[in-house]
PDB file of N, CA and C in Angstrom:
ATOM      1  N   MET A   1     -20.132 -15.866  34.787  1.00  0.00           N
ATOM      2  CA  MET A   1     -19.893 -16.158  33.381  1.00  0.00           C
ATOM      3  C   MET A   1     -20.629 -15.185  32.464  1.00  0.00           C
ATOM      4  N   ASP A   2     -21.767 -14.666  32.890  1.00  0.00           N
ATOM      5  CA  ASP A   2     -22.533 -13.770  32.029  1.00  0.00           C
ATOM      6  C   ASP A   2     -21.716 -12.552  31.618  1.00  0.00           C
ATOM      7  N   LYS A   3     -20.968 -12.004  32.561  1.00  0.00           N
ATOM      8  CA  LYS A   3     -20.175 -10.820  32.243  1.00  0.00           C
ATOM      9  C   LYS A   3     -19.119 -11.156  31.193  1.00  0.00           C
ATOM     10  N   LEU A   4     -18.474 -12.294  31.337  1.00  0.00           N
ATOM     11  CA  LEU A   4     -17.462 -12.710  30.369  1.00  0.00           C
ATOM     12  C   LEU A   4     -18.094 -12.941  28.997  1.00  0.00           C
ATOM     13  N   ASP A   5     -19.241 -13.595  28.967  1.00  0.00           N
ATOM     14  CA  ASP A   5     -19.945 -13.812  27.698  1.00  0.00           C
ATOM     15  C   ASP A   5     -20.288 -12.483  27.033  1.00  0.00           C
ATOM     16  N   HIS A   6     -20.729 -11.533  27.836  1.00  0.00           N
ATOM     17  CA  HIS A   6     -21.078 -10.215  27.304  1.00  0.00           C
ATOM     18  C   HIS A   6     -19.842  -9.524  26.723  1.00  0.00           C
ATOM     19  N   GLU A   7     -18.716  -9.607  27.431  1.00  0.00           N
ATOM     20  CA  GLU A   7     -17.485  -8.985  26.936  1.00  0.00           C
ATOM     21  C   GLU A   7     -17.037  -9.633  25.632  1.00  0.00           C
ATOM     22  N   ILE A   8     -17.146 -10.947  25.538  1.00  0.00           N
ATOM     23  CA  ILE A   8     -16.768 -11.659  24.315  1.00  0.00           C
ATOM     24  C   ILE A   8     -17.670 -11.231  23.166  1.00  0.00           C
ATOM     25  N   ASP A   9     -18.969 -11.164  23.417  1.00  0.00           N
ATOM     26  CA  ASP A   9     -19.905 -10.729  22.380  1.00  0.00           C
ATOM     27  C   ASP A   9     -19.595  -9.306  21.920  1.00  0.00           C
ATOM     28  N   THR A  10     -19.265  -8.441  22.869  1.00  0.00           N
ATOM     29  CA  THR A  10     -18.941  -7.055  22.536  1.00  0.00           C
ATOM     30  C   THR A  10     -17.691  -6.987  21.667  1.00  0.00           C
ATOM     31  N   LEU A  11     -16.655  -7.722  22.049  1.00  0.00           N
ATOM     32  CA  LEU A  11     -15.421  -7.732  21.264  1.00  0.00           C
ATOM     33  C   LEU A  11     -15.663  -8.298  19.869  1.00  0.00           C
ATOM     34  N   ARG A  12     -16.452  -9.353  19.792  1.00  0.00           N
ATOM     35  CA  ARG A  12     -16.761  -9.960  18.495  1.00  0.00           C
ATOM     36  C   ARG A  12     -17.504  -8.960  17.606  1.00  0.00           C
ATOM     37  N   HIS A  13     -18.460  -8.262  18.195  1.00  0.00           N
ATOM     38  CA  HIS A  13     -19.234  -7.267  17.442  1.00  0.00           C
ATOM     39  C   HIS A  13     -18.327  -6.136  16.954  1.00  0.00           C
ATOM     40  N   GLU A  14     -17.440  -5.659  17.815  1.00  0.00           N
ATOM     41  CA  GLU A  14     -16.517  -4.589  17.421  1.00  0.00           C
ATOM     42  C   GLU A  14     -15.603  -5.049  16.293  1.00  0.00           C
ATOM     43  N   GLN A  15     -15.164  -6.300  16.350  1.00  0.00           N
ATOM     44  CA  GLN A  15     -14.299  -6.827  15.299  1.00  0.00           C
ATOM     45  C   GLN A  15     -15.056  -6.917  13.976  1.00  0.00           C
ATOM     46  N   GLU A  16     -16.308  -7.360  14.024  1.00  0.00           N
ATOM     47  CA  GLU A  16     -17.122  -7.430  12.812  1.00  0.00           C
ATOM     48  C   GLU A  16     -17.325  -6.046  12.208  1.00  0.00           C
ATOM     49  N   LEU A  17     -17.570  -5.054  13.056  1.00  0.00           N
ATOM     50  CA  LEU A  17     -17.730  -3.685  12.566  1.00  0.00           C
ATOM     51  C   LEU A  17     -16.449  -3.174  11.921  1.00  0.00           C
ATOM     52  N   GLN A  18     -15.310  -3.520  12.525  1.00  0.00           N
ATOM     53  CA  GLN A  18     -14.031  -3.078  11.971  1.00  0.00           C
ATOM     54  C   GLN A  18     -13.799  -3.721  10.604  1.00  0.00           C
ATOM     55  N   HIS A  19     -14.114  -5.016  10.473  1.00  0.00           N
ATOM     56  CA  HIS A  19     -13.959  -5.689   9.183  1.00  0.00           C
ATOM     57  C   HIS A  19     -14.891  -5.081   8.142  1.00  0.00           C
ATOM     58  N   GLN A  20     -16.098  -4.754   8.556  1.00  0.00           N
ATOM     59  CA  GLN A  20     -17.055  -4.139   7.631  1.00  0.00           C
ATOM     60  C   GLN A  20     -16.539  -2.775   7.172  1.00  0.00           C
ATOM     61  N   LYS A  21     -16.009  -1.998   8.095  1.00  0.00           N
ATOM     62  CA  LYS A  21     -15.484  -0.673   7.754  1.00  0.00           C
ATOM     63  C   LYS A  21     -14.304  -0.795   6.791  1.00  0.00           C
ATOM     64  N   GLN A  22     -13.426  -1.770   7.036  1.00  0.00           N
ATOM     65  CA  GLN A  22     -12.290  -1.972   6.139  1.00  0.00           C
ATOM     66  C   GLN A  22     -12.768  -2.363   4.746  1.00  0.00           C
ATOM     67  N   ALA A  23     -13.778  -3.215   4.667  1.00  0.00           N
ATOM     68  CA  ALA A  23     -14.323  -3.626   3.373  1.00  0.00           C
ATOM     69  C   ALA A  23     -14.930  -2.426   2.653  1.00  0.00           C
ATOM     70  N   GLU A  24     -15.641  -1.577   3.388  1.00  0.00           N
ATOM     71  CA  GLU A  24     -16.223  -0.374   2.789  1.00  0.00           C
ATOM     72  C   GLU A  24     -15.129   0.559   2.277  1.00  0.00           C
ATOM     73  N   ASN A  25     -14.050   0.692   3.038  1.00  0.00           N
ATOM     74  CA  ASN A  25     -12.949   1.561   2.622  1.00  0.00           C
ATOM     75  C   ASN A  25     -12.288   1.031   1.353  1.00  0.00           C
ATOM     76  N   ARG A  26     -12.093  -0.303   1.283  1.00  0.00           N
ATOM     77  CA  ARG A  26     -11.510  -0.889   0.073  1.00  0.00           C
ATOM     78  C   ARG A  26     -12.438  -0.699  -1.112  1.00  0.00           C
ATOM     79  N   TRP A  27     -13.729  -0.884  -0.896  1.00  0.00           N
ATOM     80  CA  TRP A  27     -14.710  -0.709  -1.967  1.00  0.00           C
ATOM     81  C   TRP A  27     -14.696   0.736  -2.458  1.00  0.00           C
ATOM     82  N   GLN A  28     -14.694   1.684  -1.540  1.00  0.00           N
ATOM     83  CA  GLN A  28     -14.701   3.093  -1.925  1.00  0.00           C
ATOM     84  C   GLN A  28     -13.416   3.466  -2.659  1.00  0.00           C
ATOM     85  N   ALA A  29     -12.290   2.935  -2.224  1.00  0.00           N
ATOM     86  CA  ALA A  29     -11.026   3.215  -2.906  1.00  0.00           C
ATOM     87  C   ALA A  29     -11.069   2.680  -4.330  1.00  0.00           C
ATOM     88  N   ARG A  30     -11.655   1.506  -4.517  1.00  0.00           N
ATOM     89  CA  ARG A  30     -11.764   0.927  -5.861  1.00  0.00           C
ATOM     90  C   ARG A  30     -12.697   1.758  -6.735  1.00  0.00           C
ATOM     91  N   VAL A  31     -13.807   2.216  -6.174  1.00  0.00           N
ATOM     92  CA  VAL A  31     -14.735   3.072  -6.922  1.00  0.00           C
ATOM     93  C   VAL A  31     -14.017   4.350  -7.354  1.00  0.00           C
ATOM     94  N   ASP A  32     -13.289   4.963  -6.436  1.00  0.00           N
ATOM     95  CA  ASP A  32     -12.552   6.189  -6.755  1.00  0.00           C
ATOM     96  C   ASP A  32     -11.535   5.939  -7.865  1.00  0.00           C
ATOM     97  N   GLU A  33     -10.839   4.805  -7.778  1.00  0.00           N
ATOM     98  CA  GLU A  33      -9.840   4.464  -8.790  1.00  0.00           C
ATOM     99  C   GLU A  33     -10.493   4.303 -10.162  1.00  0.00           C
ATOM    100  N   LEU A  34     -11.610   3.600 -10.218  1.00  0.00           N
ATOM    101  CA  LEU A  34     -12.299   3.390 -11.491  1.00  0.00           C
ATOM    102  C   LEU A  34     -12.828   4.704 -12.056  1.00  0.00           C
ATOM    103  N   GLN A  35     -13.316   5.584 -11.193  1.00  0.00           N
ATOM    104  CA  GLN A  35     -13.812   6.873 -11.664  1.00  0.00           C
ATOM    105  C   GLN A  35     -12.677   7.719 -12.233  1.00  0.00           C
ATOM    106  N   ARG A  36     -11.513   7.677 -11.580  1.00  0.00           N
ATOM    107  CA  ARG A  36     -10.355   8.410 -12.106  1.00  0.00           C
ATOM    108  C   ARG A  36      -9.949   7.854 -13.467  1.00  0.00           C
ATOM    109  N   GLU A  37      -9.925   6.529 -13.591  1.00  0.00           N
ATOM    110  CA  GLU A  37      -9.565   5.912 -14.869  1.00  0.00           C
ATOM    111  C   GLU A  37     -10.558   6.319 -15.953  1.00  0.00           C
ATOM    112  N   ARG A  38     -11.832   6.323 -15.619  1.00  0.00           N
ATOM    113  CA  ARG A  38     -12.857   6.662 -16.599  1.00  0.00           C
ATOM    114  C   ARG A  38     -12.692   8.107 -17.061  1.00  0.00           C
ATOM    115  N   HIS A  39     -12.404   9.010 -16.142  1.00  0.00           N
ATOM    116  CA  HIS A  39     -12.256  10.421 -16.497  1.00  0.00           C
ATOM    117  C   HIS A  39     -10.939  10.691 -17.208  1.00  0.00           C
ATOM    118  N   ASP A  40      -9.954   9.822 -17.027  1.00  0.00           N
ATOM    119  CA  ASP A  40      -8.667   9.992 -17.704  1.00  0.00           C
ATOM    120  C   ASP A  40      -8.698   9.477 -19.135  1.00  0.00           C
ATOM    121  N   GLU A  41      -9.720   8.680 -19.481  1.00  0.00           N
ATOM    122  CA  GLU A  41      -9.817   8.144 -20.839  1.00  0.00           C
ATOM    123  C   GLU A  41     -10.146   9.266 -21.816  1.00  0.00           C
ATOM    124  N   PRO A  42      -9.675   9.131 -23.056  1.00  0.00           N
ATOM    125  CA  PRO A  42     -10.059  10.117 -24.078  1.00  0.00           C
ATOM    126  C   PRO A  42     -11.577  10.139 -24.242  1.00  0.00           C
ATOM    127  N   GLY A  43     -12.140  11.322 -24.331  1.00  0.00           N
ATOM    128  CA  GLY A  43     -13.588  11.428 -24.472  1.00  0.00           C
ATOM    129  C   GLY A  43     -14.305  11.584 -23.152  1.00  0.00           C
ATOM    130  N   GLY A  44     -13.576  11.640 -22.060  1.00  0.00           N
ATOM    131  CA  GLY A  44     -14.204  11.840 -20.755  1.00  0.00           C
ATOM    132  C   GLY A  44     -15.087  10.684 -20.368  1.00  0.00           C
ATOM    133  N   ASP A  45     -16.257  10.994 -19.804  1.00  0.00           N
ATOM    134  CA  ASP A  45     -17.154   9.932 -19.349  1.00  0.00           C
ATOM    135  C   ASP A  45     -18.386   9.824 -20.231  1.00  0.00           C
ATOM    136  N   SER A  46     -18.255  10.198 -21.501  1.00  0.00           N
ATOM    137  CA  SER A  46     -19.421  10.163 -22.389  1.00  0.00           C
ATOM    138  C   SER A  46     -19.914   8.745 -22.613  1.00  0.00           C
ATOM    139  N   GLY A  47     -19.057   7.755 -22.453  1.00  0.00           N
ATOM    140  CA  GLY A  47     -19.470   6.372 -22.657  1.00  0.00           C
ATOM    141  C   GLY A  47     -19.656   5.622 -21.365  1.00  0.00           C
ATOM    142  N   SER A  48     -19.954   6.340 -20.305  1.00  0.00           N
ATOM    143  CA  SER A  48     -20.073   5.673 -19.014  1.00  0.00           C
ATOM    144  C   SER A  48     -21.323   4.813 -18.959  1.00  0.00           C
ATOM    145  N   ALA A  49     -21.165   3.665 -18.317  1.00  0.00           N
ATOM    146  CA  ALA A  49     -22.305   2.765 -18.116  1.00  0.00           C
ATOM    147  C   ALA A  49     -22.474   2.594 -16.617  1.00  0.00           C
ATOM    148  N   GLU A  50     -23.495   3.194 -16.080  1.00  0.00           N
ATOM    149  CA  GLU A  50     -23.721   3.089 -14.643  1.00  0.00           C
ATOM    150  C   GLU A  50     -24.647   1.936 -14.367  1.00  0.00           C
ATOM    151  N   HIS A  51     -24.351   1.224 -13.275  1.00  0.00           N
ATOM    152  CA  HIS A  51     -25.164   0.049 -12.936  1.00  0.00           C
ATOM    153  C   HIS A  51     -26.122   0.400 -11.849  1.00  0.00           C
TER     154      HIS A  51
END
């Protein structure tokens, strides 16, 4: 049973990493989109508010 438990833990860990990577990719895409919108506004990024 130990080997099976180890394989399950490994698969679970890989799935968690994949979900984390997908979340990071969505976050980065949103950041890129917001930056493009900010630079497309009249006046450039002179009124940018960074957090």
